[in-house]
PDB file of N, CA and C in Angstrom:
ATOM      1  N   MET A   1      -8.071  -2.405   0.193  1.00  0.00           N
ATOM      2  CA  MET A   1      -8.528  -2.227   1.549  1.00  0.00           C
ATOM      3  C   MET A   1      -7.682  -1.137   2.207  1.00  0.00           C
ATOM      4  N   VAL A   2      -8.331  -0.255   2.947  1.00  0.00           N
ATOM      5  CA  VAL A   2      -7.634   0.790   3.684  1.00  0.00           C
ATOM      6  C   VAL A   2      -7.165   0.210   5.012  1.00  0.00           C
ATOM      7  N   ASP A   3      -5.900   0.474   5.355  1.00  0.00           N
ATOM      8  CA  ASP A   3      -5.334  -0.023   6.604  1.00  0.00           C
ATOM      9  C   ASP A   3      -4.511   1.084   7.252  1.00  0.00           C
ATOM     10  N   THR A   4      -5.110   1.773   8.226  1.00  0.00           N
ATOM     11  CA  THR A   4      -4.397   2.860   8.899  1.00  0.00           C
ATOM     12  C   THR A   4      -3.267   2.340   9.780  1.00  0.00           C
ATOM     13  N   GLY A   5      -3.214   1.042  10.011  1.00  0.00           N
ATOM     14  CA  GLY A   5      -2.124   0.438  10.775  1.00  0.00           C
ATOM     15  C   GLY A   5      -0.928   0.075   9.912  1.00  0.00           C
ATOM     16  N   ALA A   6      -1.068   0.189   8.599  1.00  0.00           N
ATOM     17  CA  ALA A   6       0.034  -0.117   7.678  1.00  0.00           C
ATOM     18  C   ALA A   6       0.795   1.170   7.380  1.00  0.00           C
ATOM     19  N   SER A   7       2.095   1.177   7.635  1.00  0.00           N
ATOM     20  CA  SER A   7       2.875   2.392   7.406  1.00  0.00           C
ATOM     21  C   SER A   7       2.981   2.731   5.925  1.00  0.00           C
ATOM     22  N   ASN A   8       2.999   1.739   5.078  1.00  0.00           N
ATOM     23  CA  ASN A   8       3.111   1.949   3.631  1.00  0.00           C
ATOM     24  C   ASN A   8       1.920   1.330   2.911  1.00  0.00           C
ATOM     25  N   VAL A   9       1.776   1.694   1.648  1.00  0.00           N
ATOM     26  CA  VAL A   9       0.901   0.942   0.758  1.00  0.00           C
ATOM     27  C   VAL A   9       1.561  -0.420   0.598  1.00  0.00           C
ATOM     28  N   VAL A  10       0.782  -1.482   0.668  1.00  0.00           N
ATOM     29  CA  VAL A  10       1.314  -2.831   0.542  1.00  0.00           C
ATOM     30  C   VAL A  10       0.622  -3.517  -0.628  1.00  0.00           C
ATOM     31  N   LEU A  11       1.420  -3.983  -1.571  1.00  0.00           N
ATOM     32  CA  LEU A  11       0.882  -4.675  -2.740  1.00  0.00           C
ATOM     33  C   LEU A  11       0.994  -6.180  -2.560  1.00  0.00           C
ATOM     34  N   SER A  12      -0.083  -6.860  -2.852  1.00  0.00           N
ATOM     35  CA  SER A  12      -0.025  -8.318  -2.885  1.00  0.00           C
ATOM     36  C   SER A  12       0.845  -8.718  -4.079  1.00  0.00           C
ATOM     37  N   PRO A  13       1.441  -9.903  -4.048  1.00  0.00           N
ATOM     38  CA  PRO A  13       2.240 -10.343  -5.201  1.00  0.00           C
ATOM     39  C   PRO A  13       1.440 -10.314  -6.503  1.00  0.00           C
ATOM     40  N   LYS A  14       0.176 -10.695  -6.439  1.00  0.00           N
ATOM     41  CA  LYS A  14      -0.669 -10.724  -7.641  1.00  0.00           C
ATOM     42  C   LYS A  14      -0.907  -9.315  -8.194  1.00  0.00           C
ATOM     43  N   ASP A  15      -1.220  -8.363  -7.318  1.00  0.00           N
ATOM     44  CA  ASP A  15      -1.455  -6.993  -7.765  1.00  0.00           C
ATOM     45  C   ASP A  15      -0.171  -6.357  -8.299  1.00  0.00           C
ATOM     46  N   ALA A  16       0.953  -6.627  -7.641  1.00  0.00           N
ATOM     47  CA  ALA A  16       2.240  -6.103  -8.124  1.00  0.00           C
ATOM     48  C   ALA A  16       2.525  -6.619  -9.531  1.00  0.00           C
ATOM     49  N   GLN A  17       2.280  -7.883  -9.746  1.00  0.00           N
ATOM     50  CA  GLN A  17       2.522  -8.479 -11.065  1.00  0.00           C
ATOM     51  C   GLN A  17       1.629  -7.823 -12.120  1.00  0.00           C
ATOM     52  N   LYS A  18       0.369  -7.536 -11.785  1.00  0.00           N
ATOM     53  CA  LYS A  18      -0.538  -6.859 -12.713  1.00  0.00           C
ATOM     54  C   LYS A  18      -0.006  -5.485 -13.109  1.00  0.00           C
ATOM     55  N   LEU A  19       0.727  -4.840 -12.190  1.00  0.00           N
ATOM     56  CA  LEU A  19       1.297  -3.519 -12.455  1.00  0.00           C
ATOM     57  C   LEU A  19       2.668  -3.594 -13.134  1.00  0.00           C
ATOM     58  N   GLY A  20       3.143  -4.822 -13.374  1.00  0.00           N
ATOM     59  CA  GLY A  20       4.450  -4.994 -13.999  1.00  0.00           C
ATOM     60  C   GLY A  20       5.599  -4.861 -13.026  1.00  0.00           C
ATOM     61  N   ILE A  21       5.315  -4.991 -11.732  1.00  0.00           N
ATOM     62  CA  ILE A  21       6.348  -4.911 -10.701  1.00  0.00           C
ATOM     63  C   ILE A  21       6.694  -6.331 -10.271  1.00  0.00           C
ATOM     64  N   ASN A  22       7.930  -6.733 -10.536  1.00  0.00           N
ATOM     65  CA  ASN A  22       8.371  -8.093 -10.223  1.00  0.00           C
ATOM     66  C   ASN A  22       9.731  -8.049  -9.525  1.00  0.00           C
ATOM     67  N   PRO A  23       9.728  -7.775  -8.203  1.00  0.00           N
ATOM     68  CA  PRO A  23      10.999  -7.680  -7.486  1.00  0.00           C
ATOM     69  C   PRO A  23      11.767  -9.006  -7.498  1.00  0.00           C
ATOM     70  N   ARG A  24      13.086  -8.860  -7.517  1.00  0.00           N
ATOM     71  CA  ARG A  24      13.954 -10.042  -7.412  1.00  0.00           C
ATOM     72  C   ARG A  24      14.016 -10.487  -5.953  1.00  0.00           C
ATOM     73  N   ARG A  25      14.345 -11.714  -5.725  1.00  0.00           N
ATOM     74  CA  ARG A  25      14.402 -12.319  -4.390  1.00  0.00           C
ATOM     75  C   ARG A  25      15.191 -11.446  -3.411  1.00  0.00           C
ATOM     76  N   GLU A  26      16.348 -10.908  -3.828  1.00  0.00           N
ATOM     77  CA  GLU A  26      17.202 -10.134  -2.916  1.00  0.00           C
ATOM     78  C   GLU A  26      16.603  -8.770  -2.544  1.00  0.00           C
ATOM     79  N   GLN A  27      15.540  -8.354  -3.223  1.00  0.00           N
ATOM     80  CA  GLN A  27      14.898  -7.075  -2.908  1.00  0.00           C
ATOM     81  C   GLN A  27      13.920  -7.174  -1.733  1.00  0.00           C
ATOM     82  N   PHE A  28      13.631  -8.388  -1.286  1.00  0.00           N
ATOM     83  CA  PHE A  28      12.717  -8.589  -0.154  1.00  0.00           C
ATOM     84  C   PHE A  28      13.523  -8.566   1.149  1.00  0.00           C
ATOM     85  N   PHE A  29      13.851  -7.347   1.606  1.00  0.00           N
ATOM     86  CA  PHE A  29      14.698  -7.235   2.789  1.00  0.00           C
ATOM     87  C   PHE A  29      14.052  -6.454   3.932  1.00  0.00           C
ATOM     88  N   GLU A  30      12.915  -5.818   3.707  1.00  0.00           N
ATOM     89  CA  GLU A  30      12.246  -5.081   4.779  1.00  0.00           C
ATOM     90  C   GLU A  30      11.325  -6.012   5.555  1.00  0.00           C
ATOM     91  N   ARG A  31      11.380  -5.890   6.868  1.00  0.00           N
ATOM     92  CA  ARG A  31      10.520  -6.700   7.735  1.00  0.00           C
ATOM     93  C   ARG A  31       9.294  -5.890   8.147  1.00  0.00           C
ATOM     94  N   TYR A  32       8.150  -6.525   8.042  1.00  0.00           N
ATOM     95  CA  TYR A  32       6.906  -5.921   8.505  1.00  0.00           C
ATOM     96  C   TYR A  32       6.309  -6.836   9.559  1.00  0.00           C
ATOM     97  N   TYR A  33       5.935  -6.247  10.687  1.00  0.00           N
ATOM     98  CA  TYR A  33       5.373  -7.009  11.796  1.00  0.00           C
ATOM     99  C   TYR A  33       3.858  -6.875  11.742  1.00  0.00           C
ATOM    100  N   THR A  34       3.205  -7.980  11.463  1.00  0.00           N
ATOM    101  CA  THR A  34       1.755  -7.994  11.306  1.00  0.00           C
ATOM    102  C   THR A  34       1.126  -8.829  12.409  1.00  0.00           C
ATOM    103  N   ALA A  35      -0.189  -8.814  12.462  1.00  0.00           N
ATOM    104  CA  ALA A  35      -0.909  -9.646  13.430  1.00  0.00           C
ATOM    105  C   ALA A  35      -0.639 -11.126  13.184  1.00  0.00           C
ATOM    106  N   ASN A  36      -0.266 -11.472  11.955  1.00  0.00           N
ATOM    107  CA  ASN A  36      -0.001 -12.871  11.607  1.00  0.00           C
ATOM    108  C   ASN A  36       1.481 -13.215  11.624  1.00  0.00           C
ATOM    109  N   GLY A  37       2.314 -12.323  12.138  1.00  0.00           N
ATOM    110  CA  GLY A  37       3.744 -12.589  12.214  1.00  0.00           C
ATOM    111  C   GLY A  37       4.543 -11.680  11.292  1.00  0.00           C
ATOM    112  N   VAL A  38       5.805 -12.016  11.132  1.00  0.00           N
ATOM    113  CA  VAL A  38       6.717 -11.213  10.324  1.00  0.00           C
ATOM    114  C   VAL A  38       6.567 -11.568   8.848  1.00  0.00           C
ATOM    115  N   VAL A  39       6.486 -10.523   8.001  1.00  0.00           N
ATOM    116  CA  VAL A  39       6.380 -10.687   6.552  1.00  0.00           C
ATOM    117  C   VAL A  39       7.504  -9.872   5.931  1.00  0.00           C
ATOM    118  N   MET A  40       8.146 -10.412   4.926  1.00  0.00           N
ATOM    119  CA  MET A  40       9.192  -9.683   4.220  1.00  0.00           C
ATOM    120  C   MET A  40       8.573  -8.928   3.050  1.00  0.00           C
ATOM    121  N   GLY A  41       9.145  -7.746   2.776  1.00  0.00           N
ATOM    122  CA  GLY A  41       8.636  -6.922   1.686  1.00  0.00           C
ATOM    123  C   GLY A  41       9.761  -6.322   0.872  1.00  0.00           C
ATOM    124  N   ALA A  42       9.462  -6.036  -0.386  1.00  0.00           N
ATOM    125  CA  ALA A  42      10.390  -5.379  -1.305  1.00  0.00           C
ATOM    126  C   ALA A  42       9.910  -3.945  -1.497  1.00  0.00           C
ATOM    127  N   PRO A  43      10.692  -2.945  -1.055  1.00  0.00           N
ATOM    128  CA  PRO A  43      10.255  -1.555  -1.206  1.00  0.00           C
ATOM    129  C   PRO A  43      10.237  -1.119  -2.666  1.00  0.00           C
ATOM    130  N   VAL A  44       9.213  -0.346  -3.024  1.00  0.00           N
ATOM    131  CA  VAL A  44       9.080   0.212  -4.367  1.00  0.00           C
ATOM    132  C   VAL A  44       8.475   1.607  -4.234  1.00  0.00           C
ATOM    133  N   ILE A  45       8.569   2.387  -5.298  1.00  0.00           N
ATOM    134  CA  ILE A  45       7.878   3.675  -5.379  1.00  0.00           C
ATOM    135  C   ILE A  45       6.853   3.562  -6.495  1.00  0.00           C
ATOM    136  N   LEU A  46       5.598   3.828  -6.171  1.00  0.00           N
ATOM    137  CA  LEU A  46       4.544   3.820  -7.182  1.00  0.00           C
ATOM    138  C   LEU A  46       4.483   5.205  -7.804  1.00  0.00           C
ATOM    139  N   PRO A  47       4.582   5.305  -9.119  1.00  0.00           N
ATOM    140  CA  PRO A  47       4.596   6.616  -9.763  1.00  0.00           C
ATOM    141  C   PRO A  47       3.356   7.453  -9.462  1.00  0.00           C
ATOM    142  N   LYS A  48       2.193   6.788  -9.338  1.00  0.00           N
ATOM    143  CA  LYS A  48       0.958   7.547  -9.098  1.00  0.00           C
ATOM    144  C   LYS A  48      -0.132   6.599  -8.609  1.00  0.00           C
ATOM    145  N   ILE A  49      -0.902   7.076  -7.640  1.00  0.00           N
ATOM    146  CA  ILE A  49      -2.132   6.403  -7.226  1.00  0.00           C
ATOM    147  C   ILE A  49      -3.253   7.411  -7.430  1.00  0.00           C
ATOM    148  N   SER A  50      -4.266   7.006  -8.176  1.00  0.00           N
ATOM    149  CA  SER A  50      -5.425   7.858  -8.418  1.00  0.00           C
ATOM    150  C   SER A  50      -6.680   7.169  -7.909  1.00  0.00           C
ATOM    151  N   ILE A  51      -7.528   7.965  -7.285  1.00  0.00           N
ATOM    152  CA  ILE A  51      -8.835   7.482  -6.843  1.00  0.00           C
ATOM    153  C   ILE A  51      -9.861   8.467  -7.362  1.00  0.00           C
ATOM    154  N   GLY A  52     -10.708   7.995  -8.244  1.00  0.00           N
ATOM    155  CA  GLY A  52     -11.713   8.867  -8.839  1.00  0.00           C
ATOM    156  C   GLY A  52     -11.063   9.938  -9.704  1.00  0.00           C
ATOM    157  N   ASP A  53     -11.773  11.040  -9.872  1.00  0.00           N
ATOM    158  CA  ASP A  53     -11.307  12.130 -10.727  1.00  0.00           C
ATOM    159  C   ASP A  53     -10.496  13.181  -9.981  1.00  0.00           C
ATOM    160  N   HIS A  54     -10.518  13.163  -8.649  1.00  0.00           N
ATOM    161  CA  HIS A  54      -9.964  14.293  -7.904  1.00  0.00           C
ATOM    162  C   HIS A  54      -8.758  13.970  -7.034  1.00  0.00           C
ATOM    163  N   ILE A  55      -8.472  12.709  -6.823  1.00  0.00           N
ATOM    164  CA  ILE A  55      -7.348  12.365  -5.952  1.00  0.00           C
ATOM    165  C   ILE A  55      -6.258  11.701  -6.781  1.00  0.00           C
ATOM    166  N   HIS A  56      -5.103  12.353  -6.816  1.00  0.00           N
ATOM    167  CA  HIS A  56      -3.939  11.858  -7.552  1.00  0.00           C
ATOM    168  C   HIS A  56      -2.701  12.142  -6.701  1.00  0.00           C
ATOM    169  N   ILE A  57      -2.064  11.107  -6.215  1.00  0.00           N
ATOM    170  CA  ILE A  57      -0.864  11.260  -5.396  1.00  0.00           C
ATOM    171  C   ILE A  57       0.286  10.585  -6.137  1.00  0.00           C
ATOM    172  N   GLU A  58       1.379  11.320  -6.304  1.00  0.00           N
ATOM    173  CA  GLU A  58       2.538  10.801  -7.050  1.00  0.00           C
ATOM    174  C   GLU A  58       3.644  10.334  -6.112  1.00  0.00           C
ATOM    175  N   ASN A  59       4.460   9.417  -6.631  1.00  0.00           N
ATOM    176  CA  ASN A  59       5.652   8.917  -5.938  1.00  0.00           C
ATOM    177  C   ASN A  59       5.338   8.425  -4.522  1.00  0.00           C
ATOM    178  N   VAL A  60       4.522   7.392  -4.449  1.00  0.00           N
ATOM    179  CA  VAL A  60       4.047   6.846  -3.180  1.00  0.00           C
ATOM    180  C   VAL A  60       4.919   5.660  -2.768  1.00  0.00           C
ATOM    181  N   ARG A  61       5.434   5.715  -1.533  1.00  0.00           N
ATOM    182  CA  ARG A  61       6.192   4.582  -0.989  1.00  0.00           C
ATOM    183  C   ARG A  61       5.259   3.379  -0.827  1.00  0.00           C
ATOM    184  N   ALA A  62       5.765   2.230  -1.253  1.00  0.00           N
ATOM    185  CA  ALA A  62       4.978   1.003  -1.147  1.00  0.00           C
ATOM    186  C   ALA A  62       5.932  -0.171  -0.968  1.00  0.00           C
ATOM    187  N   SER A  63       5.368  -1.321  -0.685  1.00  0.00           N
ATOM    188  CA  SER A  63       6.136  -2.554  -0.611  1.00  0.00           C
ATOM    189  C   SER A  63       5.341  -3.666  -1.257  1.00  0.00           C
ATOM    190  N   VAL A  64       6.058  -4.522  -1.940  1.00  0.00           N
ATOM    191  CA  VAL A  64       5.460  -5.759  -2.442  1.00  0.00           C
ATOM    192  C   VAL A  64       5.718  -6.794  -1.368  1.00  0.00           C
ATOM    193  N   THR A  65       4.666  -7.441  -0.920  1.00  0.00           N
ATOM    194  CA  THR A  65       4.823  -8.414   0.148  1.00  0.00           C
ATOM    195  C   THR A  65       5.126  -9.794  -0.401  1.00  0.00           C
ATOM    196  N   GLU A  66       5.821 -10.525   0.399  1.00  0.00           N
ATOM    197  CA  GLU A  66       6.106 -11.913   0.085  1.00  0.00           C
ATOM    198  C   GLU A  66       5.081 -12.720   0.867  1.00  0.00           C
ATOM    199  N   GLY A  67       4.469 -13.675   0.273  1.00  0.00           N
ATOM    200  CA  GLY A  67       3.560 -14.497   1.047  1.00  0.00           C
ATOM    201  C   GLY A  67       2.128 -14.469   0.572  1.00  0.00           C
ATOM    202  N   ASP A  68       1.220 -14.678   1.522  1.00  0.00           N
ATOM    203  CA  ASP A  68      -0.171 -14.984   1.213  1.00  0.00           C
ATOM    204  C   ASP A  68      -1.138 -13.817   1.317  1.00  0.00           C
ATOM    205  N   LEU A  69      -0.673 -12.594   1.194  1.00  0.00           N
ATOM    206  CA  LEU A  69      -1.591 -11.465   1.241  1.00  0.00           C
ATOM    207  C   LEU A  69      -2.526 -11.556   0.032  1.00  0.00           C
ATOM    208  N   HIS A  70      -3.835 -11.578   0.285  1.00  0.00           N
ATOM    209  CA  HIS A  70      -4.804 -11.775  -0.790  1.00  0.00           C
ATOM    210  C   HIS A  70      -5.327 -10.476  -1.389  1.00  0.00           C
ATOM    211  N   MET A  71      -5.063  -9.354  -0.717  1.00  0.00           N
ATOM    212  CA  MET A  71      -5.470  -8.065  -1.262  1.00  0.00           C
ATOM    213  C   MET A  71      -4.433  -7.028  -0.857  1.00  0.00           C
ATOM    214  N   SER A  72      -4.354  -5.991  -1.641  1.00  0.00           N
ATOM    215  CA  SER A  72      -3.418  -4.918  -1.344  1.00  0.00           C
ATOM    216  C   SER A  72      -4.011  -3.991  -0.288  1.00  0.00           C
ATOM    217  N   LEU A  73      -3.118  -3.254   0.403  1.00  0.00           N
ATOM    218  CA  LEU A  73      -3.537  -2.372   1.480  1.00  0.00           C
ATOM    219  C   LEU A  73      -3.165  -0.931   1.148  1.00  0.00           C
ATOM    220  N   LEU A  74      -4.108  -0.034   1.320  1.00  0.00           N
ATOM    221  CA  LEU A  74      -3.860   1.385   1.131  1.00  0.00           C
ATOM    222  C   LEU A  74      -3.451   1.936   2.494  1.00  0.00           C
ATOM    223  N   GLY A  75      -2.142   2.047   2.702  1.00  0.00           N
ATOM    224  CA  GLY A  75      -1.611   2.430   4.007  1.00  0.00           C
ATOM    225  C   GLY A  75      -1.304   3.913   4.132  1.00  0.00           C
ATOM    226  N   MET A  76      -0.616   4.251   5.214  1.00  0.00           N
ATOM    227  CA  MET A  76      -0.394   5.642   5.589  1.00  0.00           C
ATOM    228  C   MET A  76       0.542   6.401   4.650  1.00  0.00           C
ATOM    229  N   SER A  77       1.395   5.729   3.898  1.00  0.00           N
ATOM    230  CA  SER A  77       2.249   6.457   2.944  1.00  0.00           C
ATOM    231  C   SER A  77       1.404   7.152   1.876  1.00  0.00           C
ATOM    232  N   PHE A  78       0.195   6.687   1.658  1.00  0.00           N
ATOM    233  CA  PHE A  78      -0.769   7.358   0.778  1.00  0.00           C
ATOM    234  C   PHE A  78      -1.676   8.280   1.594  1.00  0.00           C
ATOM    235  N   LEU A  79      -2.276   7.754   2.641  1.00  0.00           N
ATOM    236  CA  LEU A  79      -3.283   8.503   3.403  1.00  0.00           C
ATOM    237  C   LEU A  79      -2.722   9.794   4.000  1.00  0.00           C
ATOM    238  N   ASN A  80      -1.471   9.782   4.461  1.00  0.00           N
ATOM    239  CA  ASN A  80      -0.866  10.977   5.048  1.00  0.00           C
ATOM    240  C   ASN A  80      -0.651  12.095   4.043  1.00  0.00           C
ATOM    241  N   ARG A  81      -0.699  11.795   2.779  1.00  0.00           N
ATOM    242  CA  ARG A  81      -0.462  12.808   1.750  1.00  0.00           C
ATOM    243  C   ARG A  81      -1.758  13.411   1.209  1.00  0.00           C
ATOM    244  N   LEU A  82      -2.869  12.957   1.727  1.00  0.00           N
ATOM    245  CA  LEU A  82      -4.165  13.542   1.374  1.00  0.00           C
ATOM    246  C   LEU A  82      -4.371  14.832   2.167  1.00  0.00           C
ATOM    247  N   GLY A  83      -5.358  15.609   1.749  1.00  0.00           N
ATOM    248  CA  GLY A  83      -5.757  16.776   2.534  1.00  0.00           C
ATOM    249  C   GLY A  83      -6.363  16.342   3.856  1.00  0.00           C
ATOM    250  N   GLY A  84      -6.839  15.127   3.910  1.00  0.00           N
ATOM    251  CA  GLY A  84      -7.412  14.557   5.116  1.00  0.00           C
ATOM    252  C   GLY A  84      -8.256  13.343   4.776  1.00  0.00           C
ATOM    253  N   PHE A  85      -8.603  12.608   5.799  1.00  0.00           N
ATOM    254  CA  PHE A  85      -9.526  11.478   5.638  1.00  0.00           C
ATOM    255  C   PHE A  85     -10.272  11.303   6.937  1.00  0.00           C
ATOM    256  N   GLU A  86     -11.459  10.731   6.829  1.00  0.00           N
ATOM    257  CA  GLU A  86     -12.301  10.544   8.002  1.00  0.00           C
ATOM    258  C   GLU A  86     -13.024   9.213   7.880  1.00  0.00           C
ATOM    259  N   ILE A  87     -13.063   8.487   8.973  1.00  0.00           N
ATOM    260  CA  ILE A  87     -13.795   7.223   9.017  1.00  0.00           C
ATOM    261  C   ILE A  87     -14.955   7.419   9.981  1.00  0.00           C
ATOM    262  N   THR A  88     -16.167   7.267   9.459  1.00  0.00           N
ATOM    263  CA  THR A  88     -17.372   7.393  10.262  1.00  0.00           C
ATOM    264  C   THR A  88     -18.202   6.142  10.043  1.00  0.00           C
ATOM    265  N   GLY A  89     -18.290   5.328  11.060  1.00  0.00           N
ATOM    266  CA  GLY A  89     -18.986   4.051  10.904  1.00  0.00           C
ATOM    267  C   GLY A  89     -18.293   3.220   9.842  1.00  0.00           C
ATOM    268  N   GLU A  90     -19.018   2.869   8.805  1.00  0.00           N
ATOM    269  CA  GLU A  90     -18.453   2.078   7.711  1.00  0.00           C
ATOM    270  C   GLU A  90     -18.126   2.949   6.495  1.00  0.00           C
ATOM    271  N   ARG A  91     -18.119   4.264   6.654  1.00  0.00           N
ATOM    272  CA  ARG A  91     -17.853   5.182   5.540  1.00  0.00           C
ATOM    273  C   ARG A  91     -16.488   5.825   5.698  1.00  0.00           C
ATOM    274  N   LEU A  92     -15.714   5.785   4.614  1.00  0.00           N
ATOM    275  CA  LEU A  92     -14.414   6.442   4.535  1.00  0.00           C
ATOM    276  C   LEU A  92     -14.527   7.620   3.592  1.00  0.00           C
ATOM    277  N   THR A  93     -14.159   8.797   4.068  1.00  0.00           N
ATOM    278  CA  THR A  93     -14.161   9.999   3.231  1.00  0.00           C
ATOM    279  C   THR A  93     -12.727  10.454   3.041  1.00  0.00           C
ATOM    280  N   LEU A  94     -12.302  10.582   1.777  1.00  0.00           N
ATOM    281  CA  LEU A  94     -10.958  11.054   1.436  1.00  0.00           C
ATOM    282  C   LEU A  94     -11.064  12.478   0.921  1.00  0.00           C
ATOM    283  N   ARG A  95     -10.169  13.355   1.396  1.00  0.00           N
ATOM    284  CA  ARG A  95     -10.138  14.742   0.914  1.00  0.00           C
ATOM    285  C   ARG A  95      -8.830  14.971   0.171  1.00  0.00           C
ATOM    286  N   PRO A  96      -8.928  15.488  -1.070  1.00  0.00           N
ATOM    287  CA  PRO A  96      -7.701  15.721  -1.858  1.00  0.00           C
ATOM    288  C   PRO A  96      -6.797  16.780  -1.215  1.00  0.00           C
TER     289      PRO A  96
END
């Protein structure tokens, strides 16, 4: 899910585990203030995020969240590194 209100890409615990990212308890030290309250996160760098054949962004700041996040969020640490993006109605257009 795209979240322009999220400063970083945020990985759910399940998605992080699928990627082989398993932070230790002491790595969850960043606080994120969400609509549902404060959530702790473990900062990580994702080597690469690719979308389709034309968008490839390397070394993306992200956090693994602690708690009940059911899906990961594509936040501004990724979106700001694109050539641009536009939201029109229910359509999101990403420009490399």
